[in-house]
Every structure is written in C-alpha cells, then in structure tokens.
Protein backbone atom coordinates (compact mmCIF):
# COMPACT_ATOMS: atom_id res chain seq x y z
CA MET A 1 159.28 140.02 141.92
CA ALA A 2 160.90 141.82 138.99
CA VAL A 3 161.13 138.59 136.99
CA GLU A 4 157.69 137.32 138.02
CA SER A 5 156.05 140.49 136.72
CA ALA A 6 158.10 140.69 133.51
CA PRO A 7 157.00 139.75 130.00
CA ARG A 8 158.44 136.35 129.06
CA ASP A 9 160.85 137.79 126.49
CA LYS A 10 162.26 140.40 128.91
CA ARG A 11 162.69 138.42 132.14
CA SER A 12 166.47 138.57 132.13
CA PHE A 13 166.45 142.32 131.59
CA PHE A 14 163.83 142.87 134.30
CA GLY A 15 165.83 140.52 136.55
CA SER A 16 168.85 142.79 136.19
CA PHE A 17 166.99 145.70 137.82
CA PRO A 18 167.30 144.48 141.44
CA GLN A 19 170.99 143.78 140.77
CA ILE A 20 171.73 147.40 139.89
CA GLY A 21 170.95 148.52 143.44
CA THR A 22 174.53 148.19 144.65
CA PRO A 23 176.21 150.04 141.77
CA LEU A 24 173.46 152.65 141.82
CA GLY A 25 174.02 153.13 145.55
CA MET A 26 177.75 153.44 144.93
CA ILE A 27 177.20 156.01 142.20
CA LEU A 28 175.05 158.02 144.56
CA ALA A 29 177.33 157.63 147.59
CA THR A 30 180.68 158.21 145.91
CA GLY A 31 179.21 160.92 143.72
CA VAL A 32 177.87 162.82 146.75
CA LEU A 33 181.15 162.38 148.63
CA TRP A 34 183.14 163.51 145.60
CA VAL A 35 181.01 166.63 145.12
CA LEU A 36 181.12 167.47 148.83
CA THR A 37 184.87 166.92 149.12
CA ALA A 38 185.56 168.96 145.99
CA THR A 39 183.19 171.73 147.11
CA LEU A 40 183.89 171.92 150.84
CA GLY A 41 187.52 170.84 150.90
CA LYS A 42 189.15 168.05 152.86
CA GLN A 43 189.34 169.91 156.18
CA ALA A 44 185.67 170.92 156.20
CA MET A 45 184.70 167.33 155.34
CA ILE A 46 186.69 166.06 158.32
CA GLU A 47 185.30 168.70 160.69
CA TRP A 48 181.60 168.75 159.82
CA GLY A 49 180.91 167.85 156.17
CA TRP A 50 180.86 164.10 156.84
CA ARG A 51 177.45 164.59 158.49
CA ILE A 52 175.77 165.72 155.26
CA PRO A 53 175.66 162.27 153.59
CA PHE A 54 174.12 160.79 156.74
CA LEU A 55 171.42 163.44 156.75
CA LEU A 56 170.77 162.85 153.04
CA SER A 57 170.36 159.12 153.70
CA ILE A 58 167.22 159.90 155.71
CA LEU A 59 165.53 160.65 152.37
CA LEU A 60 166.50 157.20 151.08
CA ILE A 61 165.03 155.56 154.17
CA VAL A 62 161.73 157.39 153.61
CA VAL A 63 161.70 156.36 149.93
CA GLY A 64 162.36 152.73 150.90
CA ILE A 65 159.54 152.72 153.44
CA VAL A 66 157.10 154.24 150.95
CA ILE A 67 158.03 151.71 148.27
CA ARG A 68 157.75 148.76 150.65
CA ARG A 69 154.32 149.85 151.86
CA THR A 70 152.87 150.50 148.41
CA VAL A 71 154.19 147.54 146.37
CA GLU A 72 151.97 144.45 146.42
CA GLU A 73 153.19 140.90 146.07
CA SER A 74 153.23 139.62 142.49
CA PRO A 75 150.36 137.47 141.24
CA VAL A 76 152.81 134.59 140.75
CA PHE A 77 153.89 134.77 144.41
CA LYS A 78 150.27 134.93 145.60
CA ALA A 79 149.41 131.86 143.51
CA MET A 80 152.39 129.98 144.96
CA GLN A 81 151.28 130.85 148.47
CA ARG A 82 147.81 129.46 147.77
CA ARG A 83 149.18 126.11 146.60
CA HIS A 84 152.22 125.79 148.88
CA LYS A 85 151.00 122.40 150.10
CA GLU A 86 151.43 120.73 146.69
CA SER A 87 155.08 119.99 147.32
CA SER A 88 156.28 119.00 150.76
CA ALA A 89 159.97 119.45 149.82
CA PRO A 90 160.29 121.98 146.97
CA LEU A 91 163.93 122.74 147.78
CA LYS A 92 164.81 119.05 147.58
CA GLU A 93 163.08 118.79 144.20
CA LEU A 94 164.81 121.93 142.99
CA MET A 95 168.26 120.65 143.95
CA ARG A 96 167.62 117.19 142.46
CA ASN A 97 166.31 118.48 139.14
CA HIS A 98 168.33 121.67 138.62
CA ALA A 99 171.58 121.38 140.61
CA LYS A 100 173.81 122.18 137.61
CA GLU A 101 171.91 125.38 136.79
CA ILE A 102 171.87 126.46 140.43
CA PHE A 103 175.62 125.89 140.79
CA ARG A 104 176.40 127.78 137.57
CA THR A 105 174.15 130.68 138.57
CA ALA A 106 175.72 130.83 142.04
CA LEU A 107 179.23 131.02 140.53
CA ILE A 108 178.22 133.83 138.18
CA PHE A 109 176.59 135.71 141.04
CA MET A 110 179.66 135.21 143.26
CA ALA A 111 181.98 136.54 140.55
CA ASN A 112 179.83 139.61 140.06
CA ASN A 113 179.68 140.29 143.80
CA ALA A 114 183.40 139.69 144.28
CA ALA A 115 184.23 142.25 141.61
CA GLY A 116 181.77 144.71 143.10
CA TYR A 117 182.97 144.35 146.67
CA ILE A 118 186.59 144.67 145.61
CA LEU A 119 185.51 147.97 144.12
CA ILE A 120 183.58 148.99 147.24
CA ALA A 121 185.92 147.81 149.99
CA PHE A 122 189.36 147.62 148.46
CA LEU A 123 189.81 150.25 145.76
CA ILE A 124 189.43 153.41 147.82
CA SER A 125 191.36 152.04 150.81
CA TYR A 126 194.24 150.74 148.67
CA GLY A 127 194.38 153.91 146.60
CA ALA A 128 194.44 156.16 149.65
CA ASN A 129 196.71 154.14 151.95
CA THR A 130 199.13 152.44 149.57
CA LEU A 131 199.15 154.57 146.44
CA LYS A 132 198.61 157.85 148.36
CA MET A 133 196.11 159.07 145.76
CA PRO A 134 193.96 162.11 146.57
CA SER A 135 190.49 161.24 147.87
CA GLU A 136 188.74 163.32 145.20
CA GLN A 137 190.44 161.29 142.48
CA LEU A 138 189.59 157.98 144.19
CA LEU A 139 185.95 158.96 144.61
CA LEU A 140 185.73 159.89 140.94
CA ILE A 141 187.33 156.57 139.93
CA GLY A 142 184.93 154.71 142.23
CA THR A 143 181.96 156.55 140.74
CA LEU A 144 183.06 155.80 137.17
CA ALA A 145 183.67 152.14 138.04
CA ALA A 146 180.18 151.91 139.55
CA VAL A 147 178.72 153.44 136.38
CA SER A 148 180.47 150.69 134.39
CA TRP A 149 179.13 148.03 136.78
CA PHE A 150 175.62 149.49 136.37
CA ILE A 151 175.82 149.53 132.56
CA PHE A 152 177.26 146.03 132.24
CA THR A 153 174.64 144.59 134.61
CA LEU A 154 171.87 145.99 132.41
CA LEU A 155 173.72 144.84 129.29
CA GLY A 156 173.94 141.34 130.78
CA GLY A 157 170.18 141.39 131.30
CA ILE A 158 169.62 142.41 127.69
CA LEU A 159 172.01 139.71 126.42
CA GLY A 160 170.33 137.14 128.65
CA ASP A 161 167.06 137.77 126.82
CA LYS A 162 168.74 137.69 123.40
CA ILE A 163 171.06 134.67 123.70
CA GLY A 164 169.88 132.91 126.88
C-alpha cells in the first residue's frame, strides 16, 4: 500500500516505511525496558516492573485497531480487484517473467531479516548469559543497534530511488 500510493520517483523510499516497523518496535521496547530498569532497579523489575511494558502495549493495540479501521485500500488495489479475472494465473506469469528479480529481492530481504533477528533474539541473550553484561548496558546497545537498523532502512529506500 505504501508503494502503490507513492509518487513514482519516491516508491523505494515509501516502500521502506513498512520495513521500519521492526526496528521502530525494538527502539520502543528496548528503550522502555532500559528506562524502567535504570529507574526502578533490577529487583523491582523482577518483582512487579515487568508488568508495565505489557500495560503500555495496550495503547499500541488501540492505535493499531484505529489505523486498520480508518485506512482505505489504495486505488491501485481496488482497480486490481475489479479486473482480477484478466489473468487466470498471475503468480505463474510473475514467476516466468520476473524470477531473477524475485529471487534477488528475496535474498536481500532474508539478509536484512537475519541481521535484525540476530539483534532481537541473540544479542541480549548472548550478552547476558555468556558475556555476563549488565542488562541496562545490553538494552542500551540493543536500542542503539535498532536506531542504526531504522536509519539504514530509510537510507536504503532513498538510495533505491536515486540509483535503482
């Protein structure tokens, strides 16, 4: 939807917006945990502070519901729905005519996700369990890494419009 609604010369940049959801969520989550842990202390976080992020997530659920109910489908999608009978096997045509581009795009997307999920799943666990780093430090590192992920995703969108 982001790309379908974008001006032709900014489609890559607009297409990067949905991709920043994960790093933005990480920034929010690790940032909140870092602030809470630094403010409340480790013991209070273990005893009762861990509930605060769950309560805060209720706000995100409400925001998501409001957005989903108020955003209409793009005009491009509506037009495609109206003429969906024109091609009986659009996926087959897509794979036959654009397999190389699809494969290349899938590899790029997999690399981006692999790096991101290493950050999400591995970094904090490895740092805490193997390196015995303090949780506040790991949360700050995770937040800064997510900020980098966020910035480079947007930069990739800008470069995609400039150099293809």
